[in-house]
Amino acid sequence: MNKFYLKNRVYIQLFVTLISIFTFYNIVTSSADSIESSDNNSPISETNVEIISVNIPQGSAAAEISSILDATGVITSKLAFELYLRNENLTDKLRAGTYELPNNLSFEDLTALLLKGPPLKTYTITIPEGLWISETLETLSAQTGYEVIQLENSLTSGQVVSKYLTQQQSQVLQNWEGLLFPNTYQIDIEANGEDILQILVDELEARYDSLLSTNSLPEWINNENEFFTIASLIEAEAKLEEDRPLVSSVIKNRLEEEMLLQIDAAVLYALQKRKSQVLLIDLQVDSPYNIYKYTGLPPTPISGFGERAMQAIFNTPENDFIYYLLTDINGKMTFTSNYEEFINLKNKAKEEGVIP
């Protein structure tokens, strides 16, 4: 017997070790299941159910997450939850963020929420370039749920502030034209109408200030209102990037020559009508925005404009162009200083169906 033991003791010791490991694993597994069952799957009276705000920091390990959930009262045993995560191979799969968690969830339901991640607390809105203030508020209404009249009242209430308007000026809706920057925004779900509008106003100021940090206001422009108005005209007229500075040069040259700007988009703004063609009768409208009739710039911008339109003003080239015309269905424009050439280009564009 002793000879047999001595001869086979290595195998006997290995067998005993394997039995010990297997027994320990069963004890740990059953312990975790038992704790989860007793702590998280037992019925909890409705009076004891709480919704608890929990923040899981980025990079938290399973032990840290278990401790946070235990300390905040979401679970009643951090050891049991950590064992559960290890058994399910989920220790490095839970997502950081701020959660609102009830304290009566099973481990399975709790980990399902932590794997999915916290609910979004923001939503996205997009304001396209080239919209009138009325259209901007309409698209804001459609994306936020606030009524247009609510947004109008918010904008003119004095609670939304622009450094380019006095308090008295801010009470007139049209004075806000061009001051709500078109862009895509992430909006907090609890933001009210004033908050949202202020974000758009602040964005324009930030973009303009950023451009001024590397550029000076051109000498041919007297103030910010003129700058924004010219940017809105460029936004309305130029379809292609390379044409924007050239449109700016035509506006500059006409202003310096005290010529009528004769921009159709401003007439349509005066009419508050979106049309593919401006008719002779439209040019009779008596409005300071009818720059076929009145020299100089319109009193305010005629639409929202983007950063590219503003940048085009700083990049205005020196030339003698005073005419431009759409000459290609893809949006390309031709520029000239010769009226006869302009008329010839116009006739050709009509023949080719580029313009009406």
Protein backbone atom coordinates (compact mmCIF):
# COMPACT_ATOMS: atom_id res chain seq x y z
CA MET A 1 0.00 0.00 0.00
CA ASN A 2 2.77 2.44 0.92
CA LYS A 3 4.67 1.41 -2.16
CA PHE A 4 1.55 2.12 -4.23
CA TYR A 5 1.10 5.55 -2.59
CA LEU A 6 4.71 6.50 -3.07
CA LYS A 7 4.57 5.41 -6.65
CA ASN A 8 1.37 7.33 -7.44
CA ARG A 9 1.40 10.22 -4.97
CA VAL A 10 1.87 12.83 -7.72
CA TYR A 11 -1.30 11.69 -9.44
CA ILE A 12 -3.17 11.55 -6.12
CA GLN A 13 -2.14 15.13 -5.23
CA LEU A 14 -3.18 16.37 -8.68
CA PHE A 15 -6.58 14.69 -8.29
CA VAL A 16 -7.11 16.29 -4.84
CA THR A 17 -6.20 19.73 -6.23
CA LEU A 18 -8.69 19.40 -9.08
CA ILE A 19 -11.43 18.38 -6.66
CA SER A 20 -10.68 21.46 -4.50
CA ILE A 21 -10.80 23.88 -7.45
CA PHE A 22 -14.09 22.40 -8.67
CA THR A 23 -15.62 22.61 -5.19
CA PHE A 24 -14.52 26.27 -4.75
CA TYR A 25 -15.97 27.29 -8.15
CA ASN A 26 -19.34 25.72 -7.27
CA ILE A 27 -19.40 27.50 -3.93
CA VAL A 28 -18.64 30.90 -5.54
CA THR A 29 -21.17 30.42 -8.34
CA SER A 30 -23.96 29.28 -6.09
CA SER A 31 -23.15 32.09 -3.67
CA ALA A 32 -23.46 34.72 -6.39
CA ASP A 33 -26.70 33.22 -7.68
CA SER A 34 -28.03 33.01 -4.17
CA ILE A 35 -27.17 36.62 -3.35
CA GLU A 36 -28.59 37.88 -6.65
CA SER A 37 -31.78 35.93 -6.10
CA SER A 38 -32.25 37.13 -2.57
CA ASP A 39 -31.12 40.72 -3.11
CA ASN A 40 -32.32 41.62 -6.59
CA ASN A 41 -35.08 39.27 -7.64
CA SER A 42 -37.13 39.37 -4.48
CA PRO A 43 -40.31 41.45 -4.70
CA ILE A 44 -39.80 45.03 -3.46
CA SER A 45 -42.78 46.98 -2.28
CA GLU A 46 -43.66 49.97 -4.44
CA THR A 47 -43.09 52.29 -1.50
CA ASN A 48 -39.42 51.24 -1.37
CA VAL A 49 -38.70 51.66 -5.07
CA GLU A 50 -36.53 54.69 -5.82
CA ILE A 51 -35.08 56.20 -8.98
CA ILE A 52 -31.43 56.91 -8.28
CA SER A 53 -29.07 59.10 -10.28
CA VAL A 54 -25.78 57.28 -10.82
CA ASN A 55 -22.63 58.44 -12.60
CA ILE A 56 -20.23 55.81 -13.93
CA PRO A 57 -16.88 57.48 -14.70
CA GLN A 58 -15.07 56.67 -17.92
CA GLY A 59 -12.73 53.67 -17.57
CA SER A 60 -14.35 52.28 -14.41
CA ALA A 61 -13.54 48.63 -13.67
CA ALA A 62 -16.15 46.08 -12.61
CA ALA A 63 -15.17 46.45 -8.94
CA GLU A 64 -15.54 50.24 -9.11
CA ILE A 65 -18.92 50.04 -10.85
CA SER A 66 -20.14 47.52 -8.27
CA SER A 67 -19.00 49.79 -5.45
CA ILE A 68 -20.77 52.83 -6.97
CA LEU A 69 -24.01 50.93 -7.47
CA ASP A 70 -23.82 49.56 -3.94
CA ALA A 71 -23.00 52.95 -2.37
CA THR A 72 -25.92 54.65 -4.15
CA GLY A 73 -28.40 51.93 -3.23
CA VAL A 74 -29.05 50.53 -6.70
CA ILE A 75 -27.85 47.11 -5.51
CA THR A 76 -27.43 45.65 -2.04
CA SER A 77 -24.26 43.61 -2.56
CA LYS A 78 -21.29 44.79 -4.54
CA LEU A 79 -19.60 41.39 -4.19
CA ALA A 80 -22.56 39.57 -5.69
CA PHE A 81 -22.82 41.99 -8.62
CA GLU A 82 -19.08 41.83 -9.32
CA LEU A 83 -19.21 38.01 -9.29
CA TYR A 84 -22.19 38.14 -11.64
CA LEU A 85 -20.29 40.38 -14.08
CA ARG A 86 -17.30 38.03 -14.00
CA ASN A 87 -19.44 34.93 -14.51
CA GLU A 88 -21.16 36.57 -17.50
CA ASN A 89 -17.87 37.89 -18.93
CA LEU A 90 -19.18 41.50 -18.76
CA THR A 91 -16.50 43.14 -16.64
CA ASP A 92 -15.19 45.37 -19.43
CA LYS A 93 -18.37 45.90 -21.42
CA LEU A 94 -20.39 48.32 -19.28
CA ARG A 95 -20.64 51.90 -20.53
CA ALA A 96 -19.81 55.06 -18.64
CA GLY A 97 -22.27 57.92 -18.19
CA THR A 98 -25.04 59.24 -16.00
CA TYR A 99 -28.02 56.96 -15.44
CA GLU A 100 -31.38 57.20 -13.71
CA LEU A 101 -31.77 53.68 -12.24
CA PRO A 102 -34.49 52.10 -10.11
CA ASN A 103 -33.29 50.16 -7.09
CA ASN A 104 -35.42 47.05 -7.79
CA LEU A 105 -33.75 45.69 -10.92
CA SER A 106 -32.42 42.17 -11.30
CA PHE A 107 -28.75 41.89 -12.20
CA GLU A 108 -29.79 40.86 -15.70
CA ASP A 109 -31.99 43.94 -16.23
CA LEU A 110 -29.44 46.23 -14.62
CA THR A 111 -26.57 45.04 -16.82
CA ALA A 112 -28.81 45.34 -19.90
CA LEU A 113 -29.15 49.09 -19.15
CA LEU A 114 -25.45 49.49 -18.43
CA LEU A 115 -24.54 47.70 -21.67
CA LYS A 116 -26.85 49.96 -23.68
CA GLY A 117 -25.49 53.16 -22.18
CA PRO A 118 -27.21 56.19 -20.64
CA PRO A 119 -30.20 57.69 -22.46
CA LEU A 120 -29.50 60.70 -24.64
CA LYS A 121 -30.05 64.01 -22.90
CA THR A 122 -29.72 66.05 -26.05
CA TYR A 123 -31.33 66.11 -29.47
CA THR A 124 -30.13 67.40 -32.82
CA ILE A 125 -31.55 70.32 -34.77
CA THR A 126 -30.36 71.61 -38.13
CA ILE A 127 -30.92 75.11 -39.48
CA PRO A 128 -30.12 75.35 -43.22
CA GLU A 129 -28.38 78.35 -44.70
CA GLY A 130 -30.37 80.90 -46.68
CA LEU A 131 -33.61 80.85 -44.66
CA TRP A 132 -35.60 83.98 -43.83
CA ILE A 133 -36.20 84.59 -40.12
CA SER A 134 -39.81 83.43 -40.55
CA GLU A 135 -38.61 80.19 -42.16
CA THR A 136 -35.93 79.73 -39.52
CA LEU A 137 -38.54 79.89 -36.76
CA GLU A 138 -40.77 77.49 -38.68
CA THR A 139 -38.03 74.88 -38.97
CA LEU A 140 -37.11 75.43 -35.32
CA SER A 141 -40.74 74.87 -34.40
CA ALA A 142 -40.88 71.63 -36.39
CA GLN A 143 -37.75 70.30 -34.69
CA THR A 144 -38.32 71.46 -31.11
CA GLY A 145 -42.10 71.33 -30.67
CA TYR A 146 -42.37 75.01 -29.71
CA GLU A 147 -45.03 76.96 -31.59
CA VAL A 148 -43.79 79.58 -34.05
CA ILE A 149 -45.60 82.33 -32.13
CA GLN A 150 -43.86 81.18 -28.92
CA LEU A 151 -40.47 81.43 -30.61
CA GLU A 152 -41.32 84.86 -32.03
CA ASN A 153 -42.33 86.07 -28.58
CA SER A 154 -39.18 84.58 -27.05
CA LEU A 155 -36.94 86.25 -29.61
CA THR A 156 -38.48 89.70 -29.10
CA SER A 157 -39.04 89.43 -25.34
CA GLY A 158 -35.69 90.90 -24.35
CA GLN A 159 -34.55 87.60 -22.85
CA VAL A 160 -32.51 86.71 -25.95
CA VAL A 161 -29.58 89.09 -26.30
CA SER A 162 -27.36 90.03 -29.24
CA LYS A 163 -24.47 92.45 -28.96
CA TYR A 164 -25.44 93.72 -32.42
CA LEU A 165 -28.89 94.91 -31.31
CA THR A 166 -30.01 97.36 -28.66
CA GLN A 167 -32.78 96.21 -26.37
CA GLN A 168 -35.27 98.33 -28.31
CA GLN A 169 -34.07 96.95 -31.66
CA SER A 170 -34.38 93.39 -30.37
CA GLN A 171 -38.13 93.84 -29.90
CA VAL A 172 -38.64 93.97 -33.69
CA LEU A 173 -38.60 90.52 -35.26
CA GLN A 174 -37.13 91.64 -38.59
CA ASN A 175 -34.08 93.08 -36.85
CA TRP A 176 -33.12 89.51 -35.94
CA GLU A 177 -32.80 88.59 -39.61
CA GLY A 178 -29.42 86.95 -40.18
CA LEU A 179 -28.47 86.85 -36.50
CA LEU A 180 -29.46 83.21 -35.92
CA PHE A 181 -26.54 81.20 -37.25
CA PRO A 182 -27.47 78.25 -39.51
CA ASN A 183 -25.77 75.09 -38.30
CA THR A 184 -26.38 71.68 -36.72
CA TYR A 185 -26.72 71.83 -32.93
CA GLN A 186 -26.98 69.45 -30.01
CA ILE A 187 -29.74 70.84 -27.78
CA ASP A 188 -30.31 69.89 -24.15
CA ILE A 189 -33.73 68.28 -23.77
CA GLU A 190 -34.57 70.72 -20.99
CA ALA A 191 -33.67 73.84 -23.00
CA ASN A 192 -36.57 76.26 -23.48
CA GLY A 193 -37.22 78.49 -26.48
CA GLU A 194 -35.08 81.34 -25.17
CA ASP A 195 -32.19 78.97 -24.47
CA ILE A 196 -32.28 77.53 -28.00
CA LEU A 197 -32.46 80.92 -29.69
CA GLN A 198 -29.62 82.26 -27.56
CA ILE A 199 -27.43 79.33 -28.65
CA LEU A 200 -27.97 80.28 -32.30
CA VAL A 201 -27.26 83.95 -31.59
CA ASP A 202 -24.10 83.13 -29.61
CA GLU A 203 -22.85 80.88 -32.41
CA LEU A 204 -22.96 83.71 -34.95
CA GLU A 205 -21.06 85.99 -32.60
CA ALA A 206 -18.44 83.31 -31.94
CA ARG A 207 -17.94 82.59 -35.67
CA TYR A 208 -17.67 86.27 -36.54
CA ASP A 209 -15.26 86.98 -33.67
CA SER A 210 -13.13 84.05 -34.78
CA LEU A 211 -12.90 85.45 -38.32
CA LEU A 212 -12.02 88.90 -36.96
CA SER A 213 -9.16 87.39 -34.97
CA THR A 214 -7.30 86.87 -38.26
CA ASN A 215 -8.97 89.51 -40.46
CA SER A 216 -9.92 93.17 -40.28
CA LEU A 217 -13.30 94.55 -41.27
CA PRO A 218 -12.83 95.63 -44.92
CA GLU A 219 -12.59 99.40 -45.44
CA TRP A 220 -15.56 99.40 -47.81
CA ILE A 221 -17.84 98.10 -45.05
CA ASN A 222 -18.83 100.45 -42.24
CA ASN A 223 -20.23 98.16 -39.53
CA GLU A 224 -21.34 94.65 -38.60
CA ASN A 225 -24.88 95.11 -39.93
CA GLU A 226 -23.51 95.93 -43.39
CA PHE A 227 -21.12 92.99 -43.19
CA PHE A 228 -23.93 90.57 -42.27
CA THR A 229 -26.20 92.03 -44.95
CA ILE A 230 -23.56 91.52 -47.65
CA ALA A 231 -22.95 87.97 -46.38
CA SER A 232 -26.66 87.23 -46.71
CA LEU A 233 -26.70 88.54 -50.30
CA ILE A 234 -23.71 86.36 -51.16
CA GLU A 235 -25.44 83.37 -49.53
CA ALA A 236 -28.56 83.97 -51.62
CA GLU A 237 -26.77 84.51 -54.94
CA ALA A 238 -23.72 82.22 -55.17
CA LYS A 239 -24.19 78.48 -55.46
CA LEU A 240 -20.52 77.50 -55.88
CA GLU A 241 -17.67 78.20 -53.50
CA GLU A 242 -15.43 79.83 -56.10
CA ASP A 243 -18.16 82.34 -57.03
CA ARG A 244 -18.74 83.71 -53.54
CA PRO A 245 -15.76 86.13 -53.43
CA LEU A 246 -16.61 87.30 -56.97
CA VAL A 247 -20.21 88.08 -55.99
CA SER A 248 -18.75 90.04 -53.09
CA SER A 249 -16.57 91.98 -55.53
CA VAL A 250 -19.59 92.94 -57.67
CA ILE A 251 -21.44 94.19 -54.58
CA LYS A 252 -18.36 96.16 -53.53
CA ASN A 253 -17.87 97.69 -56.97
CA ARG A 254 -21.53 98.69 -57.31
CA LEU A 255 -21.62 100.25 -53.86
CA GLU A 256 -18.51 102.27 -54.62
CA GLU A 257 -20.01 103.41 -57.94
CA GLU A 258 -23.33 104.17 -56.18
CA MET A 259 -25.10 101.85 -58.60
CA LEU A 260 -28.29 99.97 -57.81
CA LEU A 261 -27.39 96.49 -56.57
CA GLN A 262 -30.33 94.93 -58.47
CA ILE A 263 -30.32 91.59 -56.66
CA ASP A 264 -33.45 89.51 -57.17
CA ALA A 265 -33.21 87.72 -53.82
CA ALA A 266 -33.71 91.03 -51.99
CA VAL A 267 -36.85 91.75 -54.01
CA LEU A 268 -38.25 88.32 -53.13
CA TYR A 269 -37.50 89.06 -49.50
CA ALA A 270 -39.45 92.32 -49.80
CA LEU A 271 -42.37 90.35 -51.27
CA GLN A 272 -41.91 87.49 -48.79
CA LYS A 273 -42.47 85.10 -51.68
CA ARG A 274 -40.29 82.26 -52.90
CA LYS A 275 -40.38 82.37 -56.70
CA SER A 276 -38.14 81.03 -59.47
CA GLN A 277 -38.44 84.25 -61.46
CA VAL A 278 -38.78 87.92 -60.55
CA LEU A 279 -41.28 89.67 -62.83
CA LEU A 280 -41.35 93.32 -63.87
CA ILE A 281 -44.38 93.89 -61.65
CA ASP A 282 -42.39 92.54 -58.69
CA LEU A 283 -39.78 95.25 -59.23
CA GLN A 284 -42.40 97.89 -58.46
CA VAL A 285 -42.73 96.89 -54.80
CA ASP A 286 -42.06 99.88 -52.60
CA SER A 287 -39.68 98.53 -50.00
CA PRO A 288 -36.18 99.45 -48.82
CA TYR A 289 -35.35 95.82 -49.67
CA ASN A 290 -36.14 96.51 -53.33
CA ILE A 291 -32.60 97.32 -54.39
CA TYR A 292 -33.74 97.74 -57.96
CA LYS A 293 -35.37 100.94 -56.73
CA TYR A 294 -33.20 102.07 -53.81
CA THR A 295 -29.42 102.43 -53.85
CA GLY A 296 -27.24 101.01 -51.15
CA LEU A 297 -27.73 97.91 -49.03
CA PRO A 298 -31.03 96.67 -47.60
CA PRO A 299 -31.61 97.76 -43.99
CA THR A 300 -30.93 94.25 -42.61
CA PRO A 301 -29.65 90.92 -43.89
CA ILE A 302 -32.16 89.07 -46.10
CA SER A 303 -31.49 85.58 -44.72
CA GLY A 304 -29.32 83.43 -42.55
CA PHE A 305 -25.80 82.91 -43.88
CA GLY A 306 -22.93 80.58 -43.17
CA GLU A 307 -19.26 81.03 -42.41
CA ARG A 308 -18.26 80.55 -46.07
CA ALA A 309 -20.28 83.61 -47.06
CA MET A 310 -18.57 85.66 -44.36
CA GLN A 311 -15.15 84.36 -45.36
CA ALA A 312 -15.86 85.33 -48.99
CA ILE A 313 -16.06 88.99 -47.96
CA PHE A 314 -12.58 88.87 -46.47
CA ASN A 315 -11.38 87.24 -49.70
CA THR A 316 -12.97 89.80 -52.04
CA PRO A 317 -10.66 90.22 -55.06
CA GLU A 318 -9.87 93.49 -56.80
CA ASN A 319 -11.54 93.65 -60.23
CA ASP A 320 -13.95 95.81 -62.24
CA PHE A 321 -16.85 93.32 -62.43
CA ILE A 322 -20.30 94.90 -62.06
CA TYR A 323 -22.43 92.14 -63.63
CA TYR A 324 -22.86 88.45 -62.99
CA LEU A 325 -25.17 85.84 -64.38
CA LEU A 326 -25.93 82.16 -63.90
CA THR A 327 -24.59 80.52 -67.06
CA ASP A 328 -24.53 76.82 -66.20
CA ILE A 329 -27.19 74.45 -64.86
CA ASN A 330 -24.67 73.26 -62.24
CA GLY A 331 -24.65 76.72 -60.67
CA LYS A 332 -21.59 78.28 -62.29
CA MET A 333 -21.73 82.05 -62.79
CA THR A 334 -19.98 84.33 -65.27
CA PHE A 335 -18.74 87.79 -64.29
CA THR A 336 -18.12 90.79 -66.50
CA SER A 337 -17.74 94.57 -66.54
CA ASN A 338 -19.25 94.91 -70.02
CA TYR A 339 -23.01 95.45 -70.33
CA GLU A 340 -23.17 94.21 -73.93
CA GLU A 341 -21.39 91.00 -72.94
CA PHE A 342 -23.80 90.63 -70.05
CA ILE A 343 -26.80 90.88 -72.40
CA ASN A 344 -25.29 88.33 -74.78
CA LEU A 345 -24.63 85.95 -71.90
CA LYS A 346 -28.19 86.42 -70.67
CA ASN A 347 -29.70 85.62 -74.08
CA LYS A 348 -27.54 82.53 -74.40
CA ALA A 349 -28.45 81.34 -70.91
CA LYS A 350 -32.15 81.71 -71.76
CA GLU A 351 -31.72 79.76 -75.02
CA GLU A 352 -30.00 76.94 -73.14
CA GLY A 353 -32.67 76.88 -70.44
CA VAL A 354 -30.27 77.87 -67.68
CA ILE A 355 -32.46 80.82 -66.65
CA PRO A 356 -36.18 81.49 -67.34
